[in-house]
Amino acid sequence: MKIGSPHEIEIWFAIESQTLYLLSGGRDRSDWVKNLRRNPKVTVRINGEDFGGQARIIEDTEEDALARRILVEKYERGPGSLANWRRTALPVAVDLTA
């Protein structure tokens, strides 16, 4: 896949206060992370509805902790099963627009 070309992925997410949170297990090696660094304007589709947004790598310590916590709370099925992903993945936020 050519970096920068539009494409669709399925990914775990959580939403808090008009911000979509994601964790990239491939960190900055993931194509979708490379794409958002090149052009942070994104469109996300949730339950068949499209939303525009501005993506960014999370650098704030408190927001980083929030993203990791809410994603693991949403998807972890057994205690500690996502511990490595929680600790090592790159946190990404998409600030959704109305």
N, C-alpha and C. Protein backbone atom coordinates (compact mmCIF):
# COMPACT_ATOMS: atom_id res chain seq x y z
N MET A 1 0.84 -1.18 0.00
CA MET A 1 0.00 0.00 0.00
C MET A 1 0.88 1.24 0.00
N LYS A 2 0.51 2.23 -0.77
CA LYS A 2 1.25 3.47 -0.84
C LYS A 2 0.86 4.36 0.34
N ILE A 3 1.85 4.82 1.08
CA ILE A 3 1.59 5.71 2.21
C ILE A 3 1.00 7.02 1.67
N GLY A 4 -0.03 7.50 2.33
CA GLY A 4 -0.67 8.74 1.92
C GLY A 4 -1.94 8.51 1.12
N SER A 5 -2.14 7.31 0.61
CA SER A 5 -3.35 7.03 -0.14
C SER A 5 -4.48 6.66 0.83
N PRO A 6 -5.69 7.13 0.56
CA PRO A 6 -6.81 6.82 1.46
C PRO A 6 -7.06 5.31 1.53
N HIS A 7 -7.32 4.84 2.71
CA HIS A 7 -7.71 3.44 2.88
C HIS A 7 -8.51 3.29 4.16
N GLU A 8 -9.19 2.18 4.26
CA GLU A 8 -10.07 1.92 5.39
C GLU A 8 -9.50 0.77 6.21
N ILE A 9 -9.52 0.94 7.53
CA ILE A 9 -9.09 -0.13 8.43
C ILE A 9 -10.17 -0.36 9.49
N GLU A 10 -10.16 -1.53 10.07
CA GLU A 10 -10.99 -1.80 11.24
C GLU A 10 -10.04 -1.76 12.43
N ILE A 11 -10.45 -1.05 13.49
CA ILE A 11 -9.57 -0.90 14.63
C ILE A 11 -10.39 -0.69 15.90
N TRP A 12 -9.85 -1.14 17.02
CA TRP A 12 -10.49 -0.90 18.30
C TRP A 12 -10.40 0.58 18.61
N PHE A 13 -11.46 1.12 19.23
CA PHE A 13 -11.49 2.53 19.57
C PHE A 13 -12.34 2.74 20.81
N ALA A 14 -12.19 3.91 21.41
CA ALA A 14 -13.06 4.36 22.49
C ALA A 14 -13.26 5.86 22.29
N ILE A 15 -14.41 6.35 22.72
CA ILE A 15 -14.71 7.78 22.57
C ILE A 15 -14.95 8.39 23.94
N GLU A 16 -14.37 9.56 24.13
CA GLU A 16 -14.55 10.33 25.36
C GLU A 16 -14.60 11.80 24.97
N SER A 17 -15.72 12.45 25.25
CA SER A 17 -15.86 13.90 25.02
C SER A 17 -15.46 14.35 23.61
N GLN A 18 -16.08 13.78 22.60
CA GLN A 18 -15.84 14.15 21.20
C GLN A 18 -14.43 13.83 20.69
N THR A 19 -13.71 13.00 21.43
CA THR A 19 -12.38 12.56 20.99
C THR A 19 -12.39 11.05 20.88
N LEU A 20 -11.93 10.57 19.73
CA LEU A 20 -11.80 9.14 19.47
C LEU A 20 -10.38 8.74 19.84
N TYR A 21 -10.24 7.69 20.63
CA TYR A 21 -8.92 7.22 21.05
C TYR A 21 -8.62 5.86 20.43
N LEU A 22 -7.37 5.70 20.00
CA LEU A 22 -6.87 4.49 19.35
C LEU A 22 -5.50 4.16 19.92
N LEU A 23 -5.12 2.90 19.86
CA LEU A 23 -3.76 2.50 20.20
C LEU A 23 -3.18 1.75 19.02
N SER A 24 -2.02 2.17 18.57
CA SER A 24 -1.35 1.51 17.46
C SER A 24 -0.31 0.53 18.00
N GLY A 25 -0.63 -0.77 17.89
CA GLY A 25 0.31 -1.79 18.32
C GLY A 25 1.60 -1.78 17.52
N GLY A 26 1.53 -1.34 16.26
CA GLY A 26 2.71 -1.22 15.42
C GLY A 26 3.44 0.10 15.60
N ARG A 27 2.95 0.89 16.56
CA ARG A 27 3.48 2.22 16.86
C ARG A 27 3.55 3.05 15.58
N ASP A 28 4.62 3.78 15.36
CA ASP A 28 4.70 4.66 14.18
C ASP A 28 5.07 3.91 12.90
N ARG A 29 5.22 2.59 12.97
CA ARG A 29 5.47 1.80 11.76
C ARG A 29 4.18 1.46 11.02
N SER A 30 3.03 1.62 11.68
CA SER A 30 1.75 1.32 11.05
C SER A 30 1.46 2.31 9.94
N ASP A 31 0.96 1.79 8.80
CA ASP A 31 0.64 2.67 7.67
C ASP A 31 -0.34 3.77 8.06
N TRP A 32 -1.36 3.43 8.85
CA TRP A 32 -2.35 4.44 9.20
C TRP A 32 -1.75 5.55 10.04
N VAL A 33 -0.76 5.25 10.87
CA VAL A 33 -0.09 6.29 11.65
C VAL A 33 0.78 7.15 10.73
N LYS A 34 1.47 6.51 9.80
CA LYS A 34 2.26 7.28 8.83
C LYS A 34 1.37 8.22 8.04
N ASN A 35 0.18 7.74 7.64
CA ASN A 35 -0.75 8.57 6.89
C ASN A 35 -1.23 9.77 7.70
N LEU A 36 -1.60 9.56 8.96
CA LEU A 36 -2.12 10.68 9.74
C LEU A 36 -1.02 11.68 10.08
N ARG A 37 0.21 11.23 10.15
CA ARG A 37 1.32 12.18 10.35
C ARG A 37 1.49 13.06 9.11
N ARG A 38 1.29 12.46 7.96
CA ARG A 38 1.41 13.19 6.70
C ARG A 38 0.23 14.15 6.49
N ASN A 39 -0.97 13.67 6.84
CA ASN A 39 -2.18 14.48 6.69
C ASN A 39 -3.12 14.14 7.85
N PRO A 40 -3.18 14.98 8.87
CA PRO A 40 -3.98 14.66 10.06
C PRO A 40 -5.49 14.79 9.87
N LYS A 41 -5.92 15.30 8.74
CA LYS A 41 -7.37 15.39 8.48
C LYS A 41 -7.86 13.99 8.10
N VAL A 42 -8.80 13.45 8.88
CA VAL A 42 -9.26 12.09 8.67
C VAL A 42 -10.79 12.02 8.64
N THR A 43 -11.28 10.93 8.11
CA THR A 43 -12.70 10.58 8.18
C THR A 43 -12.77 9.21 8.83
N VAL A 44 -13.63 9.10 9.84
CA VAL A 44 -13.82 7.80 10.50
C VAL A 44 -15.28 7.39 10.31
N ARG A 45 -15.48 6.10 10.19
CA ARG A 45 -16.83 5.56 10.03
C ARG A 45 -17.13 4.68 11.24
N ILE A 46 -18.21 5.04 11.93
CA ILE A 46 -18.64 4.29 13.11
C ILE A 46 -20.10 3.92 12.91
N ASN A 47 -20.36 2.62 12.91
CA ASN A 47 -21.73 2.12 12.68
C ASN A 47 -22.35 2.70 11.42
N GLY A 48 -21.56 2.79 10.36
CA GLY A 48 -22.05 3.26 9.07
C GLY A 48 -22.17 4.76 8.92
N GLU A 49 -21.81 5.51 9.95
CA GLU A 49 -21.89 6.97 9.89
C GLU A 49 -20.48 7.56 9.84
N ASP A 50 -20.27 8.51 8.92
CA ASP A 50 -18.95 9.13 8.75
C ASP A 50 -18.83 10.40 9.60
N PHE A 51 -17.63 10.57 10.18
CA PHE A 51 -17.31 11.75 10.98
C PHE A 51 -15.95 12.27 10.54
N GLY A 52 -15.83 13.58 10.42
CA GLY A 52 -14.54 14.19 10.13
C GLY A 52 -13.80 14.42 11.43
N GLY A 53 -12.48 14.55 11.30
CA GLY A 53 -11.70 14.81 12.49
C GLY A 53 -10.27 15.16 12.17
N GLN A 54 -9.58 15.57 13.21
CA GLN A 54 -8.17 15.93 13.14
C GLN A 54 -7.42 14.95 14.03
N ALA A 55 -6.53 14.17 13.44
CA ALA A 55 -5.79 13.15 14.20
C ALA A 55 -4.49 13.73 14.75
N ARG A 56 -4.05 13.15 15.85
CA ARG A 56 -2.79 13.57 16.45
C ARG A 56 -2.23 12.47 17.33
N ILE A 57 -0.91 12.45 17.44
CA ILE A 57 -0.25 11.54 18.37
C ILE A 57 -0.38 12.17 19.75
N ILE A 58 -0.77 11.39 20.73
CA ILE A 58 -0.95 11.92 22.08
C ILE A 58 0.41 12.06 22.75
N GLU A 59 0.66 13.26 23.26
CA GLU A 59 1.92 13.51 23.96
C GLU A 59 1.70 13.87 25.43
N ASP A 60 0.49 14.34 25.77
CA ASP A 60 0.16 14.71 27.14
C ASP A 60 0.05 13.45 28.01
N THR A 61 0.73 13.43 29.13
CA THR A 61 0.79 12.26 30.00
C THR A 61 -0.59 11.84 30.50
N GLU A 62 -1.42 12.80 30.91
CA GLU A 62 -2.75 12.46 31.43
C GLU A 62 -3.66 11.91 30.34
N GLU A 63 -3.59 12.51 29.15
CA GLU A 63 -4.42 12.02 28.05
C GLU A 63 -3.94 10.64 27.58
N ASP A 64 -2.64 10.43 27.61
CA ASP A 64 -2.05 9.13 27.28
C ASP A 64 -2.64 8.06 28.21
N ALA A 65 -2.63 8.34 29.50
CA ALA A 65 -3.16 7.38 30.48
C ALA A 65 -4.65 7.14 30.27
N LEU A 66 -5.40 8.20 29.96
CA LEU A 66 -6.83 8.07 29.69
C LEU A 66 -7.08 7.14 28.51
N ALA A 67 -6.38 7.39 27.41
CA ALA A 67 -6.56 6.58 26.20
C ALA A 67 -6.29 5.10 26.49
N ARG A 68 -5.20 4.82 27.14
CA ARG A 68 -4.84 3.43 27.45
C ARG A 68 -5.89 2.79 28.36
N ARG A 69 -6.32 3.52 29.37
CA ARG A 69 -7.28 2.98 30.33
C ARG A 69 -8.63 2.67 29.68
N ILE A 70 -9.19 3.62 28.94
CA ILE A 70 -10.53 3.39 28.40
C ILE A 70 -10.55 2.33 27.30
N LEU A 71 -9.47 2.22 26.54
CA LEU A 71 -9.43 1.17 25.52
C LEU A 71 -9.31 -0.21 26.16
N VAL A 72 -8.46 -0.34 27.15
CA VAL A 72 -8.30 -1.64 27.80
C VAL A 72 -9.58 -2.00 28.55
N GLU A 73 -10.19 -1.04 29.22
CA GLU A 73 -11.45 -1.32 29.91
C GLU A 73 -12.53 -1.81 28.95
N LYS A 74 -12.54 -1.27 27.74
CA LYS A 74 -13.56 -1.64 26.76
C LYS A 74 -13.31 -3.03 26.17
N TYR A 75 -12.05 -3.39 25.95
CA TYR A 75 -11.77 -4.60 25.17
C TYR A 75 -11.14 -5.76 25.93
N GLU A 76 -10.58 -5.54 27.09
CA GLU A 76 -9.91 -6.63 27.80
C GLU A 76 -10.92 -7.65 28.30
N ARG A 77 -10.70 -8.91 27.97
CA ARG A 77 -11.62 -9.98 28.34
C ARG A 77 -11.16 -10.75 29.57
N GLY A 78 -9.87 -10.76 29.82
CA GLY A 78 -9.33 -11.43 31.00
C GLY A 78 -8.30 -10.52 31.64
N PRO A 79 -8.18 -10.53 32.97
CA PRO A 79 -7.23 -9.66 33.66
C PRO A 79 -5.81 -9.79 33.08
N GLY A 80 -5.26 -8.66 32.65
CA GLY A 80 -3.89 -8.64 32.15
C GLY A 80 -3.71 -9.08 30.72
N SER A 81 -4.77 -9.52 30.05
CA SER A 81 -4.62 -10.06 28.69
C SER A 81 -4.15 -9.01 27.68
N LEU A 82 -4.38 -7.74 27.95
CA LEU A 82 -3.93 -6.68 27.05
C LEU A 82 -2.82 -5.83 27.67
N ALA A 83 -2.17 -6.34 28.69
CA ALA A 83 -1.17 -5.57 29.43
C ALA A 83 -0.02 -5.09 28.54
N ASN A 84 0.49 -5.95 27.67
CA ASN A 84 1.60 -5.56 26.81
C ASN A 84 1.17 -4.49 25.81
N TRP A 85 0.01 -4.68 25.19
CA TRP A 85 -0.53 -3.69 24.25
C TRP A 85 -0.75 -2.36 24.95
N ARG A 86 -1.31 -2.42 26.14
CA ARG A 86 -1.56 -1.19 26.91
C ARG A 86 -0.26 -0.45 27.18
N ARG A 87 0.77 -1.16 27.50
CA ARG A 87 2.05 -0.56 27.88
C ARG A 87 2.86 -0.06 26.68
N THR A 88 2.80 -0.76 25.54
CA THR A 88 3.73 -0.46 24.45
C THR A 88 3.14 0.23 23.23
N ALA A 89 1.81 0.20 23.06
CA ALA A 89 1.20 0.78 21.86
C ALA A 89 1.31 2.31 21.86
N LEU A 90 1.25 2.88 20.67
CA LEU A 90 1.31 4.32 20.49
C LEU A 90 -0.11 4.89 20.59
N PRO A 91 -0.35 5.82 21.53
CA PRO A 91 -1.70 6.38 21.66
C PRO A 91 -1.95 7.48 20.63
N VAL A 92 -3.12 7.41 20.01
CA VAL A 92 -3.51 8.36 18.96
C VAL A 92 -4.91 8.88 19.30
N ALA A 93 -5.13 10.17 19.05
CA ALA A 93 -6.44 10.78 19.27
C ALA A 93 -6.94 11.36 17.96
N VAL A 94 -8.25 11.31 17.78
CA VAL A 94 -8.90 12.01 16.66
C VAL A 94 -9.94 12.92 17.30
N ASP A 95 -9.72 14.22 17.16
CA ASP A 95 -10.69 15.20 17.66
C ASP A 95 -11.77 15.33 16.60
N LEU A 96 -12.97 14.83 16.94
CA LEU A 96 -14.06 14.78 15.98
C LEU A 96 -14.69 16.15 15.79
N THR A 97 -15.08 16.44 14.55
CA THR A 97 -15.76 17.69 14.24
C THR A 97 -17.25 17.41 14.07
N ALA A 98 -18.04 18.42 14.32
CA ALA A 98 -19.50 18.25 14.24
C ALA A 98 -19.98 18.01 12.84
